[in-house]
Structures are given as C-alpha cells and as structure tokens.
C-alpha cells in the first residue's frame, strides 16, 4: 500500500510541476468491481499543457516511484489523456471535456480529496 501512496504523491507532484489545476484524488478502494484503486483527475488549459502534464507525471512516477505506465491513451488530441498505472489511473483533461464527462460525479461514492492549486 505504501508503494501506491508514493506513486500517488509523485503523480500529484508531476501535475503540480506543470501547473495542472483542480487535482482530485478519488479513493475507490471501498467500491466493489472497480478497474483500479485510485483515480487522479486534473486539467490543463490547452493541449500543449495537457501533454506537458502527462510527460511530467511519467517522469516523476518513474524517478520517484520506479513506476512505468501500462498504457497511455489520448495523447494525439491531448484533450483527455488517460494513464494506466494498474492500481492508479490518471486522467488529464481540458476543462470543457472534464466538465462534460464529470468523472467525480460518476464516482460520487468514492472518497474524494481535492488538492489546492499551486500558482
């Protein structure tokens, strides 16, 4: 479990390094039949920032938690990029797509932790 906590910390540091906003960690550990234990959801202002956040997440996770993603999807458009770290899935959105899909609402029974933005 401590490995997962370290991974979550490194992922959030990677997001914050590139000024990702509205970071929410959804703890799904008490929900049956989920694809992972945690979702980390954040946003960037434009596709370039979304791509930079994704690169930063991968670097921080690799260096700080010795973790490589099993897959990354959505980089071509960089509007919604999903990164699969098995127990942790990261979703990096453009604001309008995040509002549209509203993952936090879909997983409303999860324990949600919102991190303050770093400016």
PDB file of N, CA and C in Angstrom:
ATOM      1  N   UNK A   1       0.825  -1.207   0.000  1.00  0.00           N
ATOM      2  CA  UNK A   1       0.000   0.000   0.000  1.00  0.00           C
ATOM      3  C   UNK A   1       0.862   1.261   0.000  1.00  0.00           C
ATOM      4  N   UNK A   2       1.997   1.214   0.699  1.00  0.00           N
ATOM      5  CA  UNK A   2       2.858   2.397   0.736  1.00  0.00           C
ATOM      6  C   UNK A   2       3.412   2.716  -0.653  1.00  0.00           C
ATOM      7  N   UNK A   3       3.619   1.677  -1.489  1.00  0.00           N
ATOM      8  CA  UNK A   3       4.057   1.931  -2.865  1.00  0.00           C
ATOM      9  C   UNK A   3       3.021   2.738  -3.615  1.00  0.00           C
ATOM     10  N   UNK A   4       1.754   2.414  -3.414  1.00  0.00           N
ATOM     11  CA  UNK A   4       0.670   3.143  -4.067  1.00  0.00           C
ATOM     12  C   UNK A   4       0.630   4.585  -3.580  1.00  0.00           C
ATOM     13  N   UNK A   5       0.801   4.784  -2.278  1.00  0.00           N
ATOM     14  CA  UNK A   5       0.797   6.145  -1.721  1.00  0.00           C
ATOM     15  C   UNK A   5       1.953   6.966  -2.311  1.00  0.00           C
ATOM     16  N   UNK A   6       3.120   6.342  -2.439  1.00  0.00           N
ATOM     17  CA  UNK A   6       4.273   7.025  -3.038  1.00  0.00           C
ATOM     18  C   UNK A   6       3.972   7.385  -4.480  1.00  0.00           C
ATOM     19  N   UNK A   7       3.386   6.445  -5.221  1.00  0.00           N
ATOM     20  CA  UNK A   7       3.046   6.703  -6.617  1.00  0.00           C
ATOM     21  C   UNK A   7       2.070   7.876  -6.730  1.00  0.00           C
ATOM     22  N   UNK A   8       1.050   7.887  -5.886  1.00  0.00           N
ATOM     23  CA  UNK A   8       0.070   8.986  -5.904  1.00  0.00           C
ATOM     24  C   UNK A   8       0.767  10.316  -5.621  1.00  0.00           C
ATOM     25  N   UNK A   9       1.645  10.323  -4.639  1.00  0.00           N
ATOM     26  CA  UNK A   9       2.360  11.561  -4.301  1.00  0.00           C
ATOM     27  C   UNK A   9       3.199  12.046  -5.475  1.00  0.00           C
ATOM     28  N   UNK A  10       3.920  11.126  -6.121  1.00  0.00           N
ATOM     29  CA  UNK A  10       4.785  11.509  -7.247  1.00  0.00           C
ATOM     30  C   UNK A  10       3.955  11.979  -8.439  1.00  0.00           C
ATOM     31  N   UNK A  11       2.822  11.334  -8.681  1.00  0.00           N
ATOM     32  CA  UNK A  11       1.943  11.757  -9.777  1.00  0.00           C
ATOM     33  C   UNK A  11       1.443  13.176  -9.517  1.00  0.00           C
ATOM     34  N   UNK A  12       1.001  13.446  -8.289  1.00  0.00           N
ATOM     35  CA  UNK A  12       0.489  14.792  -7.995  1.00  0.00           C
ATOM     36  C   UNK A  12       1.610  15.827  -8.078  1.00  0.00           C
ATOM     37  N   UNK A  13       2.825  15.460  -7.675  1.00  0.00           N
ATOM     38  CA  UNK A  13       3.954  16.387  -7.828  1.00  0.00           C
ATOM     39  C   UNK A  13       4.206  16.680  -9.305  1.00  0.00           C
ATOM     40  N   UNK A  14       4.094  15.654 -10.142  1.00  0.00           N
ATOM     41  CA  UNK A  14       4.280  15.842 -11.575  1.00  0.00           C
ATOM     42  C   UNK A  14       3.232  16.770 -12.168  1.00  0.00           C
ATOM     43  N   UNK A  15       1.994  16.641 -11.698  1.00  0.00           N
ATOM     44  CA  UNK A  15       0.912  17.526 -12.152  1.00  0.00           C
ATOM     45  C   UNK A  15       1.210  18.965 -11.723  1.00  0.00           C
ATOM     46  N   UNK A  16       1.552  19.123 -10.464  1.00  0.00           N
ATOM     47  CA  UNK A  16       1.795  20.465  -9.916  1.00  0.00           C
ATOM     48  C   UNK A  16       3.013  21.125 -10.555  1.00  0.00           C
ATOM     49  N   UNK A  17       3.991  20.339 -10.941  1.00  0.00           N
ATOM     50  CA  UNK A  17       5.204  20.869 -11.585  1.00  0.00           C
ATOM     51  C   UNK A  17       4.860  21.633 -12.858  1.00  0.00           C
ATOM     52  N   UNK A  18       3.824  21.175 -13.565  1.00  0.00           N
ATOM     53  CA  UNK A  18       3.410  21.817 -14.819  1.00  0.00           C
ATOM     54  C   UNK A  18       2.123  22.627 -14.641  1.00  0.00           C
ATOM     55  N   UNK A  19       1.852  23.025 -13.397  1.00  0.00           N
ATOM     56  CA  UNK A  19       0.722  23.908 -13.091  1.00  0.00           C
ATOM     57  C   UNK A  19      -0.634  23.310 -13.458  1.00  0.00           C
ATOM     58  N   UNK A  20      -0.758  21.984 -13.364  1.00  0.00           N
ATOM     59  CA  UNK A  20      -2.070  21.353 -13.527  1.00  0.00           C
ATOM     60  C   UNK A  20      -3.005  21.825 -12.428  1.00  0.00           C
ATOM     61  N   UNK A  21      -4.282  21.955 -12.741  1.00  0.00           N
ATOM     62  CA  UNK A  21      -5.249  22.543 -11.808  1.00  0.00           C
ATOM     63  C   UNK A  21      -6.331  21.543 -11.406  1.00  0.00           C
ATOM     64  N   UNK A  22      -7.040  21.909 -10.333  1.00  0.00           N
ATOM     65  CA  UNK A  22      -8.221  21.155  -9.865  1.00  0.00           C
ATOM     66  C   UNK A  22      -7.919  19.664  -9.732  1.00  0.00           C
ATOM     67  N   UNK A  23      -6.885  19.352  -8.966  1.00  0.00           N
ATOM     68  CA  UNK A  23      -6.491  17.954  -8.772  1.00  0.00           C
ATOM     69  C   UNK A  23      -7.435  17.308  -7.767  1.00  0.00           C
ATOM     70  N   UNK A  24      -8.032  16.191  -8.183  1.00  0.00           N
ATOM     71  CA  UNK A  24      -8.902  15.418  -7.305  1.00  0.00           C
ATOM     72  C   UNK A  24      -8.395  13.986  -7.282  1.00  0.00           C
ATOM     73  N   UNK A  25      -8.251  13.433  -6.078  1.00  0.00           N
ATOM     74  CA  UNK A  25      -7.897  12.026  -5.917  1.00  0.00           C
ATOM     75  C   UNK A  25      -9.153  11.297  -5.460  1.00  0.00           C
ATOM     76  N   UNK A  26      -9.591  10.326  -6.253  1.00  0.00           N
ATOM     77  CA  UNK A  26     -10.767   9.523  -5.907  1.00  0.00           C
ATOM     78  C   UNK A  26     -10.285   8.178  -5.380  1.00  0.00           C
ATOM     79  N   UNK A  27     -10.586   7.902  -4.117  1.00  0.00           N
ATOM     80  CA  UNK A  27     -10.228   6.634  -3.477  1.00  0.00           C
ATOM     81  C   UNK A  27     -11.365   5.648  -3.733  1.00  0.00           C
ATOM     82  N   UNK A  28     -11.090   4.648  -4.569  1.00  0.00           N
ATOM     83  CA  UNK A  28     -12.100   3.663  -4.955  1.00  0.00           C
ATOM     84  C   UNK A  28     -11.943   2.345  -4.198  1.00  0.00           C
ATOM     85  N   UNK A  29     -11.096   2.328  -3.179  1.00  0.00           N
ATOM     86  CA  UNK A  29     -10.756   1.064  -2.518  1.00  0.00           C
ATOM     87  C   UNK A  29     -11.943   0.420  -1.815  1.00  0.00           C
ATOM     88  N   UNK A  30     -12.963   1.197  -1.442  1.00  0.00           N
ATOM     89  CA  UNK A  30     -14.130   0.619  -0.761  1.00  0.00           C
ATOM     90  C   UNK A  30     -15.305   0.383  -1.698  1.00  0.00           C
ATOM     91  N   UNK A  31     -15.049   0.431  -3.009  1.00  0.00           N
ATOM     92  CA  UNK A  31     -16.091   0.201  -4.002  1.00  0.00           C
ATOM     93  C   UNK A  31     -15.775  -1.101  -4.723  1.00  0.00           C
ATOM     94  N   UNK A  32     -16.772  -1.977  -4.836  1.00  0.00           N
ATOM     95  CA  UNK A  32     -16.559  -3.269  -5.494  1.00  0.00           C
ATOM     96  C   UNK A  32     -16.442  -3.104  -7.005  1.00  0.00           C
ATOM     97  N   UNK A  33     -15.719  -4.034  -7.617  1.00  0.00           N
ATOM     98  CA  UNK A  33     -15.647  -4.160  -9.078  1.00  0.00           C
ATOM     99  C   UNK A  33     -15.160  -2.904  -9.782  1.00  0.00           C
ATOM    100  N   UNK A  34     -14.125  -2.276  -9.272  1.00  0.00           N
ATOM    101  CA  UNK A  34     -13.536  -1.130  -9.969  1.00  0.00           C
ATOM    102  C   UNK A  34     -12.303  -1.591 -10.734  1.00  0.00           C
ATOM    103  N   UNK A  35     -11.934  -0.833 -11.743  1.00  0.00           N
ATOM    104  CA  UNK A  35     -10.785  -1.194 -12.572  1.00  0.00           C
ATOM    105  C   UNK A  35      -9.462  -0.875 -11.884  1.00  0.00           C
ATOM    106  N   UNK A  36      -9.507  -0.013 -10.866  1.00  0.00           N
ATOM    107  CA  UNK A  36      -8.284   0.374 -10.170  1.00  0.00           C
ATOM    108  C   UNK A  36      -8.661   0.806  -8.750  1.00  0.00           C
ATOM    109  N   UNK A  37      -7.650   1.184  -7.958  1.00  0.00           N
ATOM    110  CA  UNK A  37      -7.899   1.612  -6.581  1.00  0.00           C
ATOM    111  C   UNK A  37      -8.077   3.117  -6.461  1.00  0.00           C
ATOM    112  N   UNK A  38      -7.427   3.876  -7.347  1.00  0.00           N
ATOM    113  CA  UNK A  38      -7.471   5.337  -7.277  1.00  0.00           C
ATOM    114  C   UNK A  38      -7.573   5.925  -8.677  1.00  0.00           C
ATOM    115  N   UNK A  39      -8.344   6.993  -8.783  1.00  0.00           N
ATOM    116  CA  UNK A  39      -8.310   7.876  -9.941  1.00  0.00           C
ATOM    117  C   UNK A  39      -7.660   9.172  -9.483  1.00  0.00           C
ATOM    118  N   UNK A  40      -6.803   9.727 -10.301  1.00  0.00           N
ATOM    119  CA  UNK A  40      -6.323  11.089 -10.078  1.00  0.00           C
ATOM    120  C   UNK A  40      -6.767  11.880 -11.298  1.00  0.00           C
ATOM    121  N   UNK A  41      -7.514  12.941 -11.059  1.00  0.00           N
ATOM    122  CA  UNK A  41      -8.112  13.730 -12.132  1.00  0.00           C
ATOM    123  C   UNK A  41      -7.577  15.154 -12.027  1.00  0.00           C
ATOM    124  N   UNK A  42      -7.190  15.720 -13.169  1.00  0.00           N
ATOM    125  CA  UNK A  42      -6.719  17.101 -13.171  1.00  0.00           C
ATOM    126  C   UNK A  42      -6.968  17.697 -14.539  1.00  0.00           C
ATOM    127  N   UNK A  43      -6.584  18.946 -14.709  1.00  0.00           N
ATOM    128  CA  UNK A  43      -6.782  19.581 -16.011  1.00  0.00           C
ATOM    129  C   UNK A  43      -5.657  20.535 -16.340  1.00  0.00           C
ATOM    130  N   UNK A  44      -5.505  20.716 -17.656  1.00  0.00           N
ATOM    131  CA  UNK A  44      -4.605  21.716 -18.199  1.00  0.00           C
ATOM    132  C   UNK A  44      -5.413  22.650 -19.071  1.00  0.00           C
ATOM    133  N   UNK A  45      -4.889  23.837 -19.318  1.00  0.00           N
ATOM    134  CA  UNK A  45      -5.646  24.873 -20.041  1.00  0.00           C
ATOM    135  C   UNK A  45      -5.740  24.649 -21.541  1.00  0.00           C
ATOM    136  N   UNK A  46      -4.785  23.910 -22.115  1.00  0.00           N
ATOM    137  CA  UNK A  46      -4.768  23.709 -23.563  1.00  0.00           C
ATOM    138  C   UNK A  46      -4.044  22.389 -23.848  1.00  0.00           C
ATOM    139  N   UNK A  47      -4.146  21.880 -25.094  1.00  0.00           N
ATOM    140  CA  UNK A  47      -3.499  20.592 -25.398  1.00  0.00           C
ATOM    141  C   UNK A  47      -1.999  20.562 -25.110  1.00  0.00           C
ATOM    142  N   UNK A  48      -1.302  21.673 -25.323  1.00  0.00           N
ATOM    143  CA  UNK A  48       0.143  21.693 -25.035  1.00  0.00           C
ATOM    144  C   UNK A  48       0.409  21.473 -23.549  1.00  0.00           C
ATOM    145  N   UNK A  49      -0.400  22.129 -22.695  1.00  0.00           N
ATOM    146  CA  UNK A  49      -0.210  21.956 -21.253  1.00  0.00           C
ATOM    147  C   UNK A  49      -0.606  20.541 -20.831  1.00  0.00           C
ATOM    148  N   UNK A  50      -1.681  20.009 -21.398  1.00  0.00           N
ATOM    149  CA  UNK A  50      -2.075  18.633 -21.083  1.00  0.00           C
ATOM    150  C   UNK A  50      -0.920  17.681 -21.396  1.00  0.00           C
ATOM    151  N   UNK A  51      -0.302  17.827 -22.574  1.00  0.00           N
ATOM    152  CA  UNK A  51       0.833  16.972 -22.949  1.00  0.00           C
ATOM    153  C   UNK A  51       2.002  17.146 -21.994  1.00  0.00           C
ATOM    154  N   UNK A  52       2.289  18.387 -21.606  1.00  0.00           N
ATOM    155  CA  UNK A  52       3.395  18.652 -20.672  1.00  0.00           C
ATOM    156  C   UNK A  52       3.113  18.017 -19.313  1.00  0.00           C
ATOM    157  N   UNK A  53       1.860  18.088 -18.852  1.00  0.00           N
ATOM    158  CA  UNK A  53       1.495  17.465 -17.572  1.00  0.00           C
ATOM    159  C   UNK A  53       1.705  15.951 -17.651  1.00  0.00           C
ATOM    160  N   UNK A  54       1.268  15.338 -18.747  1.00  0.00           N
ATOM    161  CA  UNK A  54       1.431  13.893 -18.918  1.00  0.00           C
ATOM    162  C   UNK A  54       2.912  13.513 -18.884  1.00  0.00           C
ATOM    163  N   UNK A  55       3.746  14.245 -19.604  1.00  0.00           N
ATOM    164  CA  UNK A  55       5.190  13.964 -19.602  1.00  0.00           C
ATOM    165  C   UNK A  55       5.773  14.100 -18.198  1.00  0.00           C
ATOM    166  N   UNK A  56       5.344  15.131 -17.486  1.00  0.00           N
ATOM    167  CA  UNK A  56       5.843  15.373 -16.132  1.00  0.00           C
ATOM    168  C   UNK A  56       5.409  14.253 -15.185  1.00  0.00           C
ATOM    169  N   UNK A  57       4.150  13.819 -15.292  1.00  0.00           N
ATOM    170  CA  UNK A  57       3.659  12.707 -14.464  1.00  0.00           C
ATOM    171  C   UNK A  57       4.529  11.472 -14.681  1.00  0.00           C
ATOM    172  N   UNK A  58       4.767  11.149 -15.947  1.00  0.00           N
ATOM    173  CA  UNK A  58       5.555   9.949 -16.256  1.00  0.00           C
ATOM    174  C   UNK A  58       6.967  10.051 -15.691  1.00  0.00           C
ATOM    175  N   UNK A  59       7.569  11.230 -15.797  1.00  0.00           N
ATOM    176  CA  UNK A  59       8.926  11.421 -15.286  1.00  0.00           C
ATOM    177  C   UNK A  59       8.970  11.302 -13.760  1.00  0.00           C
ATOM    178  N   UNK A  60       8.041  11.997 -13.073  1.00  0.00           N
ATOM    179  CA  UNK A  60       8.024  11.944 -11.610  1.00  0.00           C
ATOM    180  C   UNK A  60       7.740  10.528 -11.107  1.00  0.00           C
ATOM    181  N   UNK A  61       6.810   9.823 -11.773  1.00  0.00           N
ATOM    182  CA  UNK A  61       6.473   8.459 -11.347  1.00  0.00           C
ATOM    183  C   UNK A  61       7.652   7.513 -11.554  1.00  0.00           C
ATOM    184  N   UNK A  62       8.349   7.705 -12.672  1.00  0.00           N
ATOM    185  CA  UNK A  62       9.491   6.833 -12.966  1.00  0.00           C
ATOM    186  C   UNK A  62      10.626   7.084 -11.984  1.00  0.00           C
ATOM    187  N   UNK A  63      10.975   8.359 -11.776  1.00  0.00           N
ATOM    188  CA  UNK A  63      12.111   8.690 -10.903  1.00  0.00           C
ATOM    189  C   UNK A  63      11.784   8.508  -9.427  1.00  0.00           C
ATOM    190  N   UNK A  64      10.559   8.883  -9.033  1.00  0.00           N
ATOM    191  CA  UNK A  64      10.241   8.898  -7.607  1.00  0.00           C
ATOM    192  C   UNK A  64       9.591   7.641  -7.077  1.00  0.00           C
ATOM    193  N   UNK A  65       8.935   6.868  -7.965  1.00  0.00           N
ATOM    194  CA  UNK A  65       8.223   5.673  -7.505  1.00  0.00           C
ATOM    195  C   UNK A  65       8.595   4.441  -8.325  1.00  0.00           C
ATOM    196  N   UNK A  66       9.577   4.590  -9.220  1.00  0.00           N
ATOM    197  CA  UNK A  66      10.032   3.493 -10.069  1.00  0.00           C
ATOM    198  C   UNK A  66       8.856   2.823 -10.787  1.00  0.00           C
ATOM    199  N   UNK A  67       7.946   3.652 -11.302  1.00  0.00           N
ATOM    200  CA  UNK A  67       6.739   3.132 -11.943  1.00  0.00           C
ATOM    201  C   UNK A  67       6.669   3.603 -13.390  1.00  0.00           C
ATOM    202  N   UNK A  68       6.302   2.665 -14.258  1.00  0.00           N
ATOM    203  CA  UNK A  68       6.060   2.992 -15.665  1.00  0.00           C
ATOM    204  C   UNK A  68       4.609   2.652 -15.972  1.00  0.00           C
ATOM    205  N   UNK A  69       3.953   3.480 -16.786  1.00  0.00           N
ATOM    206  CA  UNK A  69       2.544   3.197 -17.092  1.00  0.00           C
ATOM    207  C   UNK A  69       2.399   1.956 -17.974  1.00  0.00           C
ATOM    208  N   UNK A  70       1.284   1.237 -17.776  1.00  0.00           N
ATOM    209  CA  UNK A  70       0.972   0.098 -18.635  1.00  0.00           C
ATOM    210  C   UNK A  70       0.437   0.586 -19.968  1.00  0.00           C
ATOM    211  N   UNK A  71      -0.131   1.778 -19.965  1.00  0.00           N
ATOM    212  CA  UNK A  71      -0.629   2.346 -21.202  1.00  0.00           C
ATOM    213  C   UNK A  71      -0.977   3.804 -21.026  1.00  0.00           C
ATOM    214  N   UNK A  72      -0.968   4.521 -22.147  1.00  0.00           N
ATOM    215  CA  UNK A  72      -1.367   5.924 -22.175  1.00  0.00           C
ATOM    216  C   UNK A  72      -2.246   6.095 -23.401  1.00  0.00           C
ATOM    217  N   UNK A  73      -3.394   6.721 -23.224  1.00  0.00           N
ATOM    218  CA  UNK A  73      -4.308   6.892 -24.348  1.00  0.00           C
ATOM    219  C   UNK A  73      -4.773   8.344 -24.415  1.00  0.00           C
ATOM    220  N   UNK A  74      -4.887   8.873 -25.628  1.00  0.00           N
ATOM    221  CA  UNK A  74      -5.436  10.207 -25.820  1.00  0.00           C
ATOM    222  C   UNK A  74      -4.423  11.284 -26.141  1.00  0.00           C
ATOM    223  N   UNK A  75      -3.151  10.929 -26.244  1.00  0.00           N
ATOM    224  CA  UNK A  75      -2.121  11.941 -26.467  1.00  0.00           C
ATOM    225  C   UNK A  75      -2.225  12.622 -27.832  1.00  0.00           C
ATOM    226  N   UNK A  76      -2.790  11.939 -28.814  1.00  0.00           N
ATOM    227  CA  UNK A  76      -2.867  12.503 -30.163  1.00  0.00           C
ATOM    228  C   UNK A  76      -3.624  13.837 -30.157  1.00  0.00           C
ATOM    229  N   UNK A  77      -4.773  13.877 -29.482  1.00  0.00           N
ATOM    230  CA  UNK A  77      -5.553  15.123 -29.385  1.00  0.00           C
ATOM    231  C   UNK A  77      -5.208  15.920 -28.133  1.00  0.00           C
ATOM    232  N   UNK A  78      -4.738  15.228 -27.102  1.00  0.00           N
ATOM    233  CA  UNK A  78      -4.389  15.847 -25.815  1.00  0.00           C
ATOM    234  C   UNK A  78      -5.545  16.675 -25.261  1.00  0.00           C
ATOM    235  N   UNK A  79      -6.754  16.121 -25.369  1.00  0.00           N
ATOM    236  CA  UNK A  79      -7.935  16.747 -24.767  1.00  0.00           C
ATOM    237  C   UNK A  79      -8.334  16.006 -23.499  1.00  0.00           C
ATOM    238  N   UNK A  80      -8.177  14.666 -23.544  1.00  0.00           N
ATOM    239  CA  UNK A  80      -8.381  13.815 -22.369  1.00  0.00           C
ATOM    240  C   UNK A  80      -7.364  12.695 -22.495  1.00  0.00           C
ATOM    241  N   UNK A  81      -6.364  12.707 -21.635  1.00  0.00           N
ATOM    242  CA  UNK A  81      -5.332  11.670 -21.660  1.00  0.00           C
ATOM    243  C   UNK A  81      -5.495  10.812 -20.409  1.00  0.00           C
ATOM    244  N   UNK A  82      -5.562   9.503 -20.625  1.00  0.00           N
ATOM    245  CA  UNK A  82      -5.637   8.554 -19.515  1.00  0.00           C
ATOM    246  C   UNK A  82      -4.316   7.805 -19.432  1.00  0.00           C
ATOM    247  N   UNK A  83      -3.786   7.699 -18.215  1.00  0.00           N
ATOM    248  CA  UNK A  83      -2.532   6.981 -17.975  1.00  0.00           C
ATOM    249  C   UNK A  83      -2.835   5.861 -16.985  1.00  0.00           C
ATOM    250  N   UNK A  84      -2.487   4.634 -17.347  1.00  0.00           N
ATOM    251  CA  UNK A  84      -2.805   3.452 -16.549  1.00  0.00           C
ATOM    252  C   UNK A  84      -1.566   2.976 -15.792  1.00  0.00           C
ATOM    253  N   UNK A  85      -1.597   3.156 -14.464  1.00  0.00           N
ATOM    254  CA  UNK A  85      -0.552   2.608 -13.597  1.00  0.00           C
ATOM    255  C   UNK A  85      -1.102   1.432 -12.787  1.00  0.00           C
ATOM    256  N   UNK A  86      -2.001   0.639 -13.375  1.00  0.00           N
ATOM    257  CA  UNK A  86      -2.654  -0.511 -12.733  1.00  0.00           C
ATOM    258  C   UNK A  86      -3.544  -0.070 -11.579  1.00  0.00           C
ATOM    259  N   UNK A  87      -2.982   0.101 -10.387  1.00  0.00           N
ATOM    260  CA  UNK A  87      -3.808   0.474  -9.233  1.00  0.00           C
ATOM    261  C   UNK A  87      -4.210   1.953  -9.239  1.00  0.00           C
ATOM    262  N   UNK A  88      -3.515   2.763 -10.023  1.00  0.00           N
ATOM    263  CA  UNK A  88      -3.810   4.201 -10.113  1.00  0.00           C
ATOM    264  C   UNK A  88      -4.001   4.563 -11.587  1.00  0.00           C
ATOM    265  N   UNK A  89      -5.137   5.187 -11.883  1.00  0.00           N
ATOM    266  CA  UNK A  89      -5.365   5.721 -13.227  1.00  0.00           C
ATOM    267  C   UNK A  89      -5.391   7.230 -13.136  1.00  0.00           C
ATOM    268  N   UNK A  90      -4.695   7.875 -14.058  1.00  0.00           N
ATOM    269  CA  UNK A  90      -4.623   9.334 -14.085  1.00  0.00           C
ATOM    270  C   UNK A  90      -5.389   9.830 -15.308  1.00  0.00           C
ATOM    271  N   UNK A  91      -6.215  10.847 -15.097  1.00  0.00           N
ATOM    272  CA  UNK A  91      -6.974  11.470 -16.183  1.00  0.00           C
ATOM    273  C   UNK A  91      -6.602  12.946 -16.234  1.00  0.00           C
ATOM    274  N   UNK A  92      -6.051  13.376 -17.373  1.00  0.00           N
ATOM    275  CA  UNK A  92      -5.667  14.774 -17.570  1.00  0.00           C
ATOM    276  C   UNK A  92      -6.577  15.325 -18.663  1.00  0.00           C
ATOM    277  N   UNK A  93      -7.386  16.306 -18.304  1.00  0.00           N
ATOM    278  CA  UNK A  93      -8.422  16.831 -19.189  1.00  0.00           C
ATOM    279  C   UNK A  93      -8.171  18.274 -19.590  1.00  0.00           C
ATOM    280  N   UNK A  94      -8.776  18.670 -20.706  1.00  0.00           N
ATOM    281  CA  UNK A  94      -9.072  20.075 -20.951  1.00  0.00           C
ATOM    282  C   UNK A  94     -10.315  20.400 -20.131  1.00  0.00           C
ATOM    283  N   UNK A  95     -10.464  21.649 -19.650  1.00  0.00           N
ATOM    284  CA  UNK A  95     -11.575  21.970 -18.755  1.00  0.00           C
ATOM    285  C   UNK A  95     -12.960  21.602 -19.309  1.00  0.00           C
ATOM    286  N   UNK A  96     -13.212  21.857 -20.592  1.00  0.00           N
ATOM    287  CA  UNK A  96     -14.552  21.603 -21.125  1.00  0.00           C
ATOM    288  C   UNK A  96     -14.868  20.107 -21.202  1.00  0.00           C
ATOM    289  N   UNK A  97     -13.864  19.274 -21.510  1.00  0.00           N
ATOM    290  CA  UNK A  97     -14.099  17.831 -21.525  1.00  0.00           C
ATOM    291  C   UNK A  97     -14.256  17.290 -20.116  1.00  0.00           C
ATOM    292  N   UNK A  98     -13.492  17.844 -19.187  1.00  0.00           N
ATOM    293  CA  UNK A  98     -13.641  17.407 -17.795  1.00  0.00           C
ATOM    294  C   UNK A  98     -15.052  17.693 -17.298  1.00  0.00           C
ATOM    295  N   UNK A  99     -15.551  18.884 -17.598  1.00  0.00           N
ATOM    296  CA  UNK A  99     -16.912  19.240 -17.178  1.00  0.00           C
ATOM    297  C   UNK A  99     -17.938  18.308 -17.834  1.00  0.00           C
ATOM    298  N   UNK A 100     -17.711  17.979 -19.106  1.00  0.00           N
ATOM    299  CA  UNK A 100     -18.649  17.136 -19.841  1.00  0.00           C
ATOM    300  C   UNK A 100     -18.709  15.721 -19.265  1.00  0.00           C
ATOM    301  N   UNK A 101     -17.555  15.094 -19.035  1.00  0.00           N
ATOM    302  CA  UNK A 101     -17.528  13.709 -18.562  1.00  0.00           C
ATOM    303  C   UNK A 101     -17.737  13.593 -17.059  1.00  0.00           C
ATOM    304  N   UNK A 102     -17.349  14.610 -16.309  1.00  0.00           N
ATOM    305  CA  UNK A 102     -17.629  14.711 -14.880  1.00  0.00           C
ATOM    306  C   UNK A 102     -17.371  13.403 -14.124  1.00  0.00           C
ATOM    307  N   UNK A 103     -16.142  12.895 -14.213  1.00  0.00           N
ATOM    308  CA  UNK A 103     -15.804  11.632 -13.556  1.00  0.00           C
ATOM    309  C   UNK A 103     -16.031  11.667 -12.054  1.00  0.00           C
ATOM    310  N   UNK A 104     -15.816  12.833 -11.440  1.00  0.00           N
ATOM    311  CA  UNK A 104     -16.030  12.927  -9.996  1.00  0.00           C
ATOM    312  C   UNK A 104     -17.472  12.579  -9.639  1.00  0.00           C
ATOM    313  N   UNK A 105     -18.413  13.005 -10.485  1.00  0.00           N
ATOM    314  CA  UNK A 105     -19.822  12.709 -10.225  1.00  0.00           C
ATOM    315  C   UNK A 105     -20.118  11.225 -10.447  1.00  0.00           C
ATOM    316  N   UNK A 106     -19.506  10.648 -11.493  1.00  0.00           N
ATOM    317  CA  UNK A 106     -19.708   9.221 -11.761  1.00  0.00           C
ATOM    318  C   UNK A 106     -19.267   8.371 -10.579  1.00  0.00           C
ATOM    319  N   UNK A 107     -18.206   8.805  -9.923  1.00  0.00           N
ATOM    320  CA  UNK A 107     -17.658   8.059  -8.781  1.00  0.00           C
ATOM    321  C   UNK A 107     -17.978   8.788  -7.477  1.00  0.00           C
ATOM    322  N   UNK A 108     -19.203   9.278  -7.378  1.00  0.00           N
ATOM    323  CA  UNK A 108     -19.591  10.093  -6.222  1.00  0.00           C
ATOM    324  C   UNK A 108     -19.497   9.323  -4.902  1.00  0.00           C
ATOM    325  N   UNK A 109     -19.594   8.003  -4.956  1.00  0.00           N
ATOM    326  CA  UNK A 109     -19.493   7.224  -3.715  1.00  0.00           C
ATOM    327  C   UNK A 109     -18.050   6.943  -3.320  1.00  0.00           C
ATOM    328  N   UNK A 110     -17.099   7.419  -4.114  1.00  0.00           N
ATOM    329  CA  UNK A 110     -15.688   7.324  -3.743  1.00  0.00           C
ATOM    330  C   UNK A 110     -15.354   8.429  -2.753  1.00  0.00           C
ATOM    331  N   UNK A 111     -14.275   8.207  -2.003  1.00  0.00           N
ATOM    332  CA  UNK A 111     -13.784   9.263  -1.113  1.00  0.00           C
ATOM    333  C   UNK A 111     -12.933  10.207  -1.968  1.00  0.00           C
ATOM    334  N   UNK A 112     -13.400  11.461  -2.095  1.00  0.00           N
ATOM    335  CA  UNK A 112     -12.728  12.422  -2.961  1.00  0.00           C
ATOM    336  C   UNK A 112     -11.875  13.366  -2.125  1.00  0.00           C
ATOM    337  N   UNK A 113     -10.633  13.563  -2.554  1.00  0.00           N
ATOM    338  CA  UNK A 113      -9.738  14.512  -1.915  1.00  0.00           C
ATOM    339  C   UNK A 113      -9.330  15.526  -2.965  1.00  0.00           C
ATOM    340  N   UNK A 114      -9.589  16.804  -2.689  1.00  0.00           N
ATOM    341  CA  UNK A 114      -9.227  17.875  -3.606  1.00  0.00           C
ATOM    342  C   UNK A 114      -7.960  18.549  -3.102  1.00  0.00           C
ATOM    343  N   UNK A 115      -6.968  18.664  -3.972  1.00  0.00           N
ATOM    344  CA  UNK A 115      -5.722  19.322  -3.594  1.00  0.00           C
ATOM    345  C   UNK A 115      -5.789  20.792  -4.027  1.00  0.00           C
ATOM    346  N   UNK A 116      -5.250  21.694  -3.209  1.00  0.00           N
ATOM    347  CA  UNK A 116      -5.250  23.103  -3.600  1.00  0.00           C
ATOM    348  C   UNK A 116      -4.344  23.351  -4.800  1.00  0.00           C
ATOM    349  N   UNK A 117      -4.737  24.266  -5.661  1.00  0.00           N
ATOM    350  CA  UNK A 117      -3.911  24.635  -6.803  1.00  0.00           C
ATOM    351  C   UNK A 117      -2.648  25.327  -6.298  1.00  0.00           C
ATOM    352  N   UNK A 118      -1.545  25.093  -6.993  1.00  0.00           N
ATOM    353  CA  UNK A 118      -0.290  25.790  -6.706  1.00  0.00           C
ATOM    354  C   UNK A 118      -0.057  26.763  -7.843  1.00  0.00           C
ATOM    355  N   UNK A 119       0.090  28.023  -7.512  1.00  0.00           N
ATOM    356  CA  UNK A 119       0.294  29.036  -8.564  1.00  0.00           C
ATOM    357  C   UNK A 119       1.750  29.460  -8.635  1.00  0.00           C
TER     358      UNK A 119
END
